[in-house]
Amino acid sequence: MSTVARQHEPISRAGYERLRAELERLVALRRRQIADGVPAEDSEELEARIDHLTTTLSRVRIVDPPEDGVAGIGSRVRLRMSRGAATQEYELVGPLESDARERRISIDSPVGQALVGRRAGDVVTVEAPAGTRTVEIVDVRSEA
């Protein structure tokens, strides 16, 4: 699903709060810089990030997690990527908040698309650039 076509991007409540907290922190920092006489041209990167966060927050829609046991934005899913492998836990999130290092998978990614609406015990096939994988959903729980 293309993120360009959406008027309001879906985001988890936790993701919204992370972005809002970052914006508040940066605005407070910029105010301190202004009070200390730091020239605007020395704060261009900060101003750009503040503008980006302001724009982003104006076009998001907070999505509450689905009922416990159903995978969707805000759900934590425990997956087994191959038979006999150890399980790994991920959070399903909107496209704006995905972060591989933090184990946040976008619902628009191949894995995310395969998981949405599924439950523990389901086995899904994921068509990804690296090839086709079979993924077992071990557990799904809501973080709300």
C-alpha atoms as a PDB file:
ATOM      1  CA  MET A   1       0.000   0.000   0.000  1.00  0.00           C
ATOM      2  CA  SER A   2       1.468   3.321  -0.983  1.00  0.00           C
ATOM      3  CA  THR A   3       1.922   5.857   1.779  1.00  0.00           C
ATOM      4  CA  VAL A   4       1.647   8.691  -0.774  1.00  0.00           C
ATOM      5  CA  ALA A   5      -2.059   8.032  -1.383  1.00  0.00           C
ATOM      6  CA  ARG A   6      -3.036   8.309   2.292  1.00  0.00           C
ATOM      7  CA  GLN A   7      -4.341  11.577   3.648  1.00  0.00           C
ATOM      8  CA  HIS A   8      -3.752  10.524   7.263  1.00  0.00           C
ATOM      9  CA  GLU A   9      -0.961   8.097   8.106  1.00  0.00           C
ATOM     10  CA  PRO A  10      -1.805   5.462  10.720  1.00  0.00           C
ATOM     11  CA  ILE A  11       0.371   5.525  13.833  1.00  0.00           C
ATOM     12  CA  SER A  12       0.291   3.703  17.143  1.00  0.00           C
ATOM     13  CA  ARG A  13      -0.453   5.678  20.291  1.00  0.00           C
ATOM     14  CA  ALA A  14       3.080   4.929  21.548  1.00  0.00           C
ATOM     15  CA  GLY A  15       4.564   6.118  18.242  1.00  0.00           C
ATOM     16  CA  TYR A  16       2.551   9.331  18.398  1.00  0.00           C
ATOM     17  CA  GLU A  17       3.714   9.955  21.960  1.00  0.00           C
ATOM     18  CA  ARG A  18       7.375   9.335  20.972  1.00  0.00           C
ATOM     19  CA  LEU A  19       7.146  11.900  18.162  1.00  0.00           C
ATOM     20  CA  ARG A  20       5.263  14.422  20.295  1.00  0.00           C
ATOM     21  CA  ALA A  21       7.825  14.119  23.121  1.00  0.00           C
ATOM     22  CA  GLU A  22      10.679  14.598  20.660  1.00  0.00           C
ATOM     23  CA  LEU A  23       8.997  17.704  19.232  1.00  0.00           C
ATOM     24  CA  GLU A  24       8.452  19.180  22.701  1.00  0.00           C
ATOM     25  CA  ARG A  25      12.092  18.498  23.618  1.00  0.00           C
ATOM     26  CA  LEU A  26      13.384  20.125  20.408  1.00  0.00           C
ATOM     27  CA  VAL A  27      11.123  23.181  20.738  1.00  0.00           C
ATOM     28  CA  ALA A  28      12.370  23.683  24.307  1.00  0.00           C
ATOM     29  CA  LEU A  29      15.971  23.337  23.068  1.00  0.00           C
ATOM     30  CA  ARG A  30      15.375  25.878  20.272  1.00  0.00           C
ATOM     31  CA  ARG A  31      13.825  28.320  22.750  1.00  0.00           C
ATOM     32  CA  ARG A  32      16.959  28.008  24.907  1.00  0.00           C
ATOM     33  CA  GLN A  33      19.122  28.642  21.839  1.00  0.00           C
ATOM     34  CA  ILE A  34      17.127  31.767  20.974  1.00  0.00           C
ATOM     35  CA  ALA A  35      17.412  33.010  24.572  1.00  0.00           C
ATOM     36  CA  ASP A  36      21.167  32.374  24.434  1.00  0.00           C
ATOM     37  CA  GLY A  37      21.475  34.289  21.139  1.00  0.00           C
ATOM     38  CA  VAL A  38      22.366  31.343  18.905  1.00  0.00           C
ATOM     39  CA  PRO A  39      21.889  32.520  15.281  1.00  0.00           C
ATOM     40  CA  ALA A  40      19.132  30.802  13.289  1.00  0.00           C
ATOM     41  CA  GLU A  41      21.575  29.694  10.597  1.00  0.00           C
ATOM     42  CA  ASP A  42      23.429  27.700  13.273  1.00  0.00           C
ATOM     43  CA  SER A  43      20.195  25.899  14.113  1.00  0.00           C
ATOM     44  CA  GLU A  44      18.997  24.998  10.613  1.00  0.00           C
ATOM     45  CA  GLU A  45      19.086  21.244  11.235  1.00  0.00           C
ATOM     46  CA  LEU A  46      17.099  21.651  14.449  1.00  0.00           C
ATOM     47  CA  GLU A  47      14.550  23.893  12.712  1.00  0.00           C
ATOM     48  CA  ALA A  48      14.205  21.378   9.873  1.00  0.00           C
ATOM     49  CA  ARG A  49      13.530  18.541  12.330  1.00  0.00           C
ATOM     50  CA  ILE A  50      10.974  20.656  14.233  1.00  0.00           C
ATOM     51  CA  ASP A  51       9.212  21.488  10.942  1.00  0.00           C
ATOM     52  CA  HIS A  52       9.275  17.831   9.886  1.00  0.00           C
ATOM     53  CA  LEU A  53       7.800  16.632  13.207  1.00  0.00           C
ATOM     54  CA  THR A  54       5.135  19.346  13.168  1.00  0.00           C
ATOM     55  CA  THR A  55       4.078  18.369   9.643  1.00  0.00           C
ATOM     56  CA  THR A  56       4.170  14.664  10.454  1.00  0.00           C
ATOM     57  CA  LEU A  57       2.051  15.035  13.587  1.00  0.00           C
ATOM     58  CA  SER A  58      -0.504  17.089  11.647  1.00  0.00           C
ATOM     59  CA  ARG A  59      -1.102  14.250   9.189  1.00  0.00           C
ATOM     60  CA  VAL A  60      -1.271  11.195  11.427  1.00  0.00           C
ATOM     61  CA  ARG A  61      -4.226   9.257  12.760  1.00  0.00           C
ATOM     62  CA  ILE A  62      -3.776   7.331  16.011  1.00  0.00           C
ATOM     63  CA  VAL A  63      -4.893   3.752  15.575  1.00  0.00           C
ATOM     64  CA  ASP A  64      -5.775   1.747  18.655  1.00  0.00           C
ATOM     65  CA  PRO A  65      -4.568  -1.856  18.643  1.00  0.00           C
ATOM     66  CA  PRO A  66      -7.087  -4.482  17.592  1.00  0.00           C
ATOM     67  CA  GLU A  67      -8.578  -6.841  20.130  1.00  0.00           C
ATOM     68  CA  ASP A  68      -6.002  -8.858  22.019  1.00  0.00           C
ATOM     69  CA  GLY A  69      -4.947 -11.842  19.979  1.00  0.00           C
ATOM     70  CA  VAL A  70      -5.325 -10.167  16.574  1.00  0.00           C
ATOM     71  CA  ALA A  71      -2.233  -8.692  14.894  1.00  0.00           C
ATOM     72  CA  GLY A  72      -2.412  -5.013  13.910  1.00  0.00           C
ATOM     73  CA  ILE A  73      -0.868  -1.625  14.662  1.00  0.00           C
ATOM     74  CA  GLY A  74       0.224  -1.577  18.286  1.00  0.00           C
ATOM     75  CA  SER A  75       0.362  -5.368  18.637  1.00  0.00           C
ATOM     76  CA  ARG A  76       3.404  -7.295  19.805  1.00  0.00           C
ATOM     77  CA  VAL A  77       3.915 -10.457  17.796  1.00  0.00           C
ATOM     78  CA  ARG A  78       6.229 -13.332  18.604  1.00  0.00           C
ATOM     79  CA  LEU A  79       7.326 -15.103  15.434  1.00  0.00           C
ATOM     80  CA  ARG A  80       9.274 -18.178  14.440  1.00  0.00           C
ATOM     81  CA  MET A  81      10.918 -17.437  11.095  1.00  0.00           C
ATOM     82  CA  SER A  82      11.755 -21.055  10.298  1.00  0.00           C
ATOM     83  CA  ARG A  83      11.047 -24.497  11.698  1.00  0.00           C
ATOM     84  CA  GLY A  84      13.056 -25.114  14.871  1.00  0.00           C
ATOM     85  CA  ALA A  85      14.337 -21.527  15.085  1.00  0.00           C
ATOM     86  CA  ALA A  86      14.119 -19.428  18.233  1.00  0.00           C
ATOM     87  CA  THR A  87      11.212 -16.993  18.430  1.00  0.00           C
ATOM     88  CA  GLN A  88      11.648 -13.261  17.969  1.00  0.00           C
ATOM     89  CA  GLU A  89       9.327 -10.498  19.142  1.00  0.00           C
ATOM     90  CA  TYR A  90       8.313  -7.476  17.076  1.00  0.00           C
ATOM     91  CA  GLU A  91       5.874  -4.585  17.340  1.00  0.00           C
ATOM     92  CA  LEU A  92       3.581  -3.874  14.395  1.00  0.00           C
ATOM     93  CA  VAL A  93       3.480  -0.151  13.649  1.00  0.00           C
ATOM     94  CA  GLY A  94       2.483   2.391  11.028  1.00  0.00           C
ATOM     95  CA  PRO A  95       4.945   3.219   8.244  1.00  0.00           C
ATOM     96  CA  LEU A  96       6.154   6.442   9.883  1.00  0.00           C
ATOM     97  CA  GLU A  97       7.427   4.666  12.977  1.00  0.00           C
ATOM     98  CA  SER A  98       9.049   1.511  11.628  1.00  0.00           C
ATOM     99  CA  ASP A  99      12.551   0.891  12.933  1.00  0.00           C
ATOM    100  CA  ALA A 100      14.381  -2.385  12.369  1.00  0.00           C
ATOM    101  CA  ARG A 101      16.821  -1.746  15.235  1.00  0.00           C
ATOM    102  CA  GLU A 102      13.910  -1.348  17.644  1.00  0.00           C
ATOM    103  CA  ARG A 103      12.098  -4.356  16.138  1.00  0.00           C
ATOM    104  CA  ARG A 104       9.191  -2.241  14.879  1.00  0.00           C
ATOM    105  CA  ILE A 105       7.734  -3.651  11.651  1.00  0.00           C
ATOM    106  CA  SER A 106       5.573  -1.487   9.396  1.00  0.00           C
ATOM    107  CA  ILE A 107       2.175  -2.860   8.449  1.00  0.00           C
ATOM    108  CA  ASP A 108       3.106  -1.859   4.880  1.00  0.00           C
ATOM    109  CA  SER A 109       6.170  -4.143   4.790  1.00  0.00           C
ATOM    110  CA  PRO A 110       5.828  -7.625   3.305  1.00  0.00           C
ATOM    111  CA  VAL A 111       5.999  -9.228   6.772  1.00  0.00           C
ATOM    112  CA  GLY A 112       3.600  -6.665   8.258  1.00  0.00           C
ATOM    113  CA  GLN A 113       1.081  -7.145   5.459  1.00  0.00           C
ATOM    114  CA  ALA A 114       1.171 -10.910   5.994  1.00  0.00           C
ATOM    115  CA  LEU A 115       0.607 -10.563   9.755  1.00  0.00           C
ATOM    116  CA  VAL A 116      -2.239  -8.019   9.958  1.00  0.00           C
ATOM    117  CA  GLY A 117      -5.478  -9.658  11.044  1.00  0.00           C
ATOM    118  CA  ARG A 118      -3.812 -12.958  11.912  1.00  0.00           C
ATOM    119  CA  ARG A 119      -3.655 -14.798  15.250  1.00  0.00           C
ATOM    120  CA  ALA A 120      -1.303 -17.029  17.213  1.00  0.00           C
ATOM    121  CA  GLY A 121      -0.996 -20.426  15.574  1.00  0.00           C
ATOM    122  CA  ASP A 122      -1.382 -19.053  12.053  1.00  0.00           C
ATOM    123  CA  VAL A 123       1.368 -19.769   9.565  1.00  0.00           C
ATOM    124  CA  VAL A 124       1.818 -17.145   6.849  1.00  0.00           C
ATOM    125  CA  THR A 125       3.810 -16.992   3.658  1.00  0.00           C
ATOM    126  CA  VAL A 126       5.782 -13.798   3.164  1.00  0.00           C
ATOM    127  CA  GLU A 127       6.846 -12.667  -0.289  1.00  0.00           C
ATOM    128  CA  ALA A 128       9.878 -10.477   0.349  1.00  0.00           C
ATOM    129  CA  PRO A 129      12.723  -9.201  -1.825  1.00  0.00           C
ATOM    130  CA  ALA A 130      14.992 -11.866  -0.295  1.00  0.00           C
ATOM    131  CA  GLY A 131      12.541 -14.616  -1.296  1.00  0.00           C
ATOM    132  CA  THR A 132       9.519 -16.460   0.037  1.00  0.00           C
ATOM    133  CA  ARG A 133       9.462 -17.327   3.745  1.00  0.00           C
ATOM    134  CA  THR A 134       7.068 -19.223   5.927  1.00  0.00           C
ATOM    135  CA  VAL A 135       6.512 -17.538   9.295  1.00  0.00           C
ATOM    136  CA  GLU A 136       4.706 -19.043  12.283  1.00  0.00           C
ATOM    137  CA  ILE A 137       2.862 -16.644  14.590  1.00  0.00           C
ATOM    138  CA  VAL A 138       3.555 -17.904  18.107  1.00  0.00           C
ATOM    139  CA  ASP A 139       1.858 -15.157  20.137  1.00  0.00           C
ATOM    140  CA  VAL A 140      -0.018 -11.883  19.584  1.00  0.00           C
ATOM    141  CA  ARG A 141      -0.831  -9.404  22.307  1.00  0.00           C
ATOM    142  CA  SER A 142      -2.007  -5.826  22.523  1.00  0.00           C
ATOM    143  CA  GLU A 143       0.125  -3.207  24.254  1.00  0.00           C
ATOM    144  CA  ALA A 144      -2.795  -0.883  24.993  1.00  0.00           C
END
